[in-house]
Amino acid sequence: MPPNCLIGFYESNNDFYVIRFHSFENTKRDSSRRTYAVGGEKYSLSKRLWREIKGCDQNLILKGHLFWTENNVTMEGTLFWIAMEVTEKVSHEVIISFNSIDNVISKIELPINPFKDCDEVYKKLVIYKDSVSLITCLKSKSMEQWLDLWILSDEYEGVECWMKVQTLGMFTSLERPVGVWKNEVLMATDKMIHSVGGVVAWLPEDDVGAEFSYNIINYQERFFPLHDVEEIDYFESGGFLFI
């Protein structure tokens, strides 16, 4: 299933829902510049009907089409994706969030790389200490790599901003972040998945590129992306699964 879809269960009316999103050029606004909007639709399993989620993007300003990725997390009924905002000239990574309670879509800018002499190799959305967080993997010109952990905070007068709380490394080989477990960052090499405290799991020796194929699913009560449903038969409360 495409990453711009999710499935959820509402206890209040004992019903399952599928929600999907798409972006399109907004031709209704009077503007000399192109603007884009996001549409959402919700499917009720009990009613077997799709209906439009009206006004879900009323506060959302887009400069291009959105292309969702499978890099996402869920927290307290809100799903967060990393998406590509694509215009005719450039592409720009952002975080798109959907609050399933208020049916509101928002856009969150990613933290700016403060190092001009290094490249961003990879980024991963995670939940760290009950906050939406981002792990970025950076590489210097001398090929050294390290991980920065950022937390999305609203401590400053209710305004959301990114705070860097931790740096892991330097590493001489790629350490790809795969998630967070018990507030420890888990990383993958071609041989193992580990934290700072030690090895969590050994990877098959013949699994070439395994460090790029593993992800961690933490248990969430309300929503989980549809592309995970076919790969996982169950969720274990209080644990995590490698996929």
Protein backbone atom coordinates (compact mmCIF):
# COMPACT_ATOMS: atom_id res chain seq x y z
CA MET A 1 0.00 0.00 0.00
CA PRO A 2 1.18 3.57 -0.66
CA PRO A 3 2.72 5.46 2.27
CA ASN A 4 0.13 8.26 2.05
CA CYS A 5 -2.47 5.87 3.54
CA LEU A 6 -3.11 4.74 7.09
CA ILE A 7 -5.57 2.52 8.89
CA GLY A 8 -7.08 3.10 12.32
CA PHE A 9 -9.73 1.96 14.77
CA TYR A 10 -12.09 4.24 16.68
CA GLU A 11 -13.37 2.76 19.92
CA SER A 12 -16.17 5.35 20.18
CA ASN A 13 -18.11 3.86 17.27
CA ASN A 14 -16.37 0.47 17.02
CA ASP A 15 -15.29 1.02 13.42
CA PHE A 16 -12.16 0.71 11.30
CA TYR A 17 -11.13 3.54 8.98
CA VAL A 18 -8.74 3.89 6.07
CA ILE A 19 -7.48 7.43 5.39
CA ARG A 20 -5.63 8.51 2.25
CA PHE A 21 -4.18 11.80 1.04
CA HIS A 22 -3.15 13.37 -2.26
CA SER A 23 -1.76 16.77 -3.30
CA PHE A 24 -2.94 18.85 -6.24
CA GLU A 25 -2.54 22.28 -7.76
CA ASN A 26 -4.97 24.74 -6.18
CA THR A 27 -6.72 26.61 -8.99
CA LYS A 28 -9.32 28.26 -6.73
CA ARG A 29 -6.98 30.80 -5.11
CA ASP A 30 -6.45 34.12 -6.86
CA SER A 31 -2.69 34.30 -7.04
CA SER A 32 -0.01 34.95 -9.64
CA ARG A 33 2.07 32.15 -8.08
CA ARG A 34 1.21 28.48 -8.17
CA THR A 35 -0.10 27.07 -4.91
CA TYR A 36 -0.89 23.51 -3.94
CA ALA A 37 -3.30 21.83 -1.56
CA VAL A 38 -3.83 18.45 0.10
CA GLY A 39 -7.04 16.48 -0.07
CA GLY A 40 -8.01 13.74 2.36
CA GLU A 41 -10.58 10.97 2.22
CA LYS A 42 -11.77 8.56 4.91
CA TYR A 43 -13.25 5.12 4.34
CA SER A 44 -15.54 3.56 6.96
CA LEU A 45 -15.48 -0.23 7.09
CA SER A 46 -18.92 -0.46 8.71
CA LYS A 47 -20.56 1.95 6.23
CA ARG A 48 -18.40 0.86 3.29
CA LEU A 49 -18.24 4.45 2.08
CA TRP A 50 -15.54 7.01 1.28
CA ARG A 51 -16.10 10.62 2.37
CA GLU A 52 -14.03 13.75 1.96
CA ILE A 53 -12.24 15.20 4.99
CA LYS A 54 -13.22 18.82 4.45
CA GLY A 55 -10.96 21.67 5.53
CA CYS A 56 -8.15 19.41 6.69
CA ASP A 57 -5.49 21.59 5.02
CA GLN A 58 -6.92 25.07 5.61
CA ASN A 59 -3.75 26.23 7.39
CA LEU A 60 -1.34 24.40 5.09
CA ILE A 61 0.73 26.34 2.55
CA LEU A 62 2.48 24.24 -0.10
CA LYS A 63 4.81 25.34 -2.89
CA GLY A 64 4.69 22.05 -4.80
CA HIS A 65 3.28 18.55 -5.03
CA LEU A 66 3.87 16.19 -2.11
CA PHE A 67 5.44 12.75 -2.44
CA TRP A 68 5.11 10.78 0.79
CA THR A 69 7.79 8.38 2.02
CA GLU A 70 7.60 5.36 4.33
CA ASN A 71 9.70 7.26 6.88
CA ASN A 72 7.00 7.93 9.49
CA VAL A 73 5.97 7.61 13.13
CA THR A 74 2.71 7.79 15.07
CA MET A 75 2.13 9.43 18.42
CA GLU A 76 -1.13 10.03 20.32
CA GLY A 77 -3.32 9.68 17.25
CA THR A 78 -1.13 11.87 15.00
CA LEU A 79 0.86 10.44 12.11
CA PHE A 80 4.06 12.18 10.97
CA TRP A 81 5.62 11.56 7.54
CA ILE A 82 8.76 12.79 5.85
CA ALA A 83 7.60 13.94 2.42
CA MET A 84 9.16 15.58 -0.62
CA GLU A 85 7.70 18.96 -1.59
CA VAL A 86 8.50 19.06 -5.30
CA THR A 87 8.37 22.17 -7.48
CA GLU A 88 9.47 22.70 -11.08
CA LYS A 89 12.96 23.77 -9.97
CA VAL A 90 13.77 22.14 -6.61
CA SER A 91 12.66 19.46 -4.18
CA HIS A 92 12.44 20.09 -0.46
CA GLU A 93 12.00 17.60 2.38
CA VAL A 94 9.40 18.44 5.02
CA ILE A 95 7.39 16.65 7.70
CA ILE A 96 3.65 16.35 7.11
CA SER A 97 1.48 15.53 10.14
CA PHE A 98 -2.16 14.45 10.35
CA ASN A 99 -4.11 14.73 13.60
CA SER A 100 -6.75 11.99 13.44
CA ILE A 101 -8.82 13.58 16.23
CA ASP A 102 -9.14 17.07 14.73
CA ASN A 103 -8.65 15.95 11.09
CA VAL A 104 -5.96 18.61 10.56
CA ILE A 105 -2.90 18.37 8.29
CA SER A 106 0.18 20.48 9.10
CA LYS A 107 3.65 21.03 7.66
CA ILE A 108 6.78 21.07 9.81
CA GLU A 109 10.14 22.20 8.49
CA LEU A 110 13.14 19.95 9.18
CA PRO A 111 16.13 21.19 11.21
CA ILE A 112 18.82 22.94 9.18
CA ASN A 113 22.18 21.21 8.88
CA PRO A 114 24.57 23.59 10.72
CA PHE A 115 27.69 22.11 9.13
CA LYS A 116 28.48 23.45 5.66
CA ASP A 117 31.43 21.09 5.15
CA CYS A 118 29.50 17.83 5.60
CA ASP A 119 26.71 15.98 3.83
CA GLU A 120 23.49 14.57 5.23
CA VAL A 121 23.45 10.86 4.40
CA TYR A 122 20.21 9.72 5.97
CA LYS A 123 17.43 10.78 8.34
CA LYS A 124 14.93 8.81 10.42
CA LEU A 125 11.76 9.87 12.25
CA VAL A 126 11.49 8.32 15.73
CA ILE A 127 9.75 8.74 19.09
CA TYR A 128 12.22 9.69 21.83
CA LYS A 129 11.07 10.33 25.41
CA ASP A 130 7.46 10.72 24.27
CA SER A 131 8.37 13.36 21.68
CA VAL A 132 8.51 13.33 17.90
CA SER A 133 12.20 13.27 17.08
CA LEU A 134 14.56 13.06 14.13
CA ILE A 135 17.89 11.27 13.78
CA THR A 136 20.19 12.61 11.08
CA CYS A 137 23.29 10.82 9.82
CA LEU A 138 26.05 13.21 8.71
CA LYS A 139 29.31 12.54 6.85
CA SER A 140 32.38 14.78 6.83
CA LYS A 141 34.84 15.25 3.97
CA SER A 142 37.21 12.86 5.75
CA MET A 143 34.43 10.21 5.56
CA GLU A 144 33.76 10.20 9.30
CA GLN A 145 30.11 9.84 10.23
CA TRP A 146 27.98 10.69 13.24
CA LEU A 147 24.33 10.81 14.29
CA ASP A 148 22.49 13.85 15.65
CA LEU A 149 19.25 13.41 17.64
CA TRP A 150 16.75 16.27 17.41
CA ILE A 151 13.53 16.68 19.45
CA LEU A 152 10.52 18.67 18.22
CA SER A 153 9.70 20.93 21.18
CA ASP A 154 7.06 23.57 21.89
CA GLU A 155 8.60 24.85 25.12
CA TYR A 156 9.11 28.38 23.78
CA GLU A 157 5.70 30.08 24.08
CA GLY A 158 3.99 27.23 22.29
CA VAL A 159 6.08 27.64 19.12
CA GLU A 160 7.42 24.38 17.70
CA CYS A 161 11.18 24.24 17.19
CA TRP A 162 13.91 21.62 16.91
CA MET A 163 16.38 21.06 19.77
CA LYS A 164 19.50 18.93 19.31
CA VAL A 165 19.84 16.76 22.42
CA GLN A 166 22.44 14.15 21.54
CA THR A 167 25.32 13.35 19.17
CA LEU A 168 26.58 9.79 18.59
CA GLY A 169 29.93 9.10 16.90
CA MET A 170 32.39 9.57 15.21
CA PHE A 171 32.05 6.36 13.15
CA THR A 172 34.41 5.17 10.44
CA SER A 173 31.69 3.14 8.71
CA LEU A 174 28.00 3.70 8.08
CA GLU A 175 25.80 3.47 11.18
CA ARG A 176 22.25 3.76 9.88
CA PRO A 177 19.65 4.73 12.52
CA VAL A 178 16.75 2.27 12.56
CA GLY A 179 14.75 3.54 15.55
CA VAL A 180 14.62 4.11 19.29
CA TRP A 181 13.98 1.52 22.01
CA LYS A 182 13.81 2.44 25.72
CA ASN A 183 15.17 5.88 24.82
CA GLU A 184 18.29 4.40 23.22
CA VAL A 185 19.09 4.98 19.57
CA LEU A 186 19.43 1.71 17.65
CA MET A 187 21.82 1.63 14.70
CA ALA A 188 22.46 -0.90 11.95
CA THR A 189 25.70 -1.93 10.27
CA ASP A 190 26.07 -4.71 7.70
CA LYS A 191 26.54 -7.19 10.58
CA MET A 192 24.36 -6.14 13.51
CA ILE A 193 21.77 -3.87 15.07
CA HIS A 194 23.09 -2.25 18.22
CA SER A 195 22.86 0.64 20.66
CA VAL A 196 25.60 2.41 22.59
CA GLY A 197 25.06 -0.21 25.30
CA GLY A 198 25.70 -3.25 23.09
CA VAL A 199 24.42 -5.61 20.39
CA VAL A 200 20.64 -6.02 20.06
CA ALA A 201 20.53 -8.42 17.10
CA TRP A 202 22.97 -10.05 14.67
CA LEU A 203 22.08 -9.81 10.98
CA PRO A 204 22.37 -12.71 8.49
CA GLU A 205 25.85 -12.85 6.96
CA ASP A 206 24.51 -13.27 3.43
CA ASP A 207 22.07 -10.35 3.69
CA VAL A 208 23.85 -7.75 1.55
CA GLY A 209 22.73 -4.20 2.35
CA ALA A 210 20.79 -5.37 5.41
CA GLU A 211 21.49 -2.14 7.27
CA PHE A 212 19.24 -0.36 4.74
CA SER A 213 16.36 -2.84 4.91
CA TYR A 214 15.55 -3.03 8.63
CA ASN A 215 13.14 -0.82 10.53
CA ILE A 216 11.68 -0.92 14.03
CA ILE A 217 7.96 -0.83 14.73
CA ASN A 218 7.03 0.31 18.22
CA TYR A 219 3.53 -0.60 19.38
CA GLN A 220 0.94 2.14 18.80
CA GLU A 221 -2.71 1.85 19.81
CA ARG A 222 -4.43 4.02 17.23
CA PHE A 223 -2.80 4.12 13.81
CA PHE A 224 -0.13 2.32 11.81
CA PRO A 225 0.77 2.76 8.12
CA LEU A 226 -0.92 0.39 5.70
CA HIS A 227 2.33 -0.76 4.07
CA ASP A 228 3.23 -2.49 7.37
CA VAL A 229 -0.01 -4.50 7.61
CA GLU A 230 0.94 -7.08 4.99
CA GLU A 231 4.37 -7.64 6.55
CA ILE A 232 3.38 -8.00 10.22
CA ASP A 233 0.78 -10.36 11.64
CA TYR A 234 0.75 -9.00 15.18
CA PHE A 235 1.94 -6.26 17.49
CA GLU A 236 3.48 -7.03 20.86
CA SER A 237 2.52 -4.46 23.53
CA GLY A 238 5.56 -3.02 25.23
CA GLY A 239 8.01 -4.33 22.64
CA PHE A 240 9.26 -3.81 19.14
CA LEU A 241 9.60 -5.79 15.97
CA PHE A 242 12.26 -5.73 13.25
CA ILE A 243 10.92 -5.74 9.69
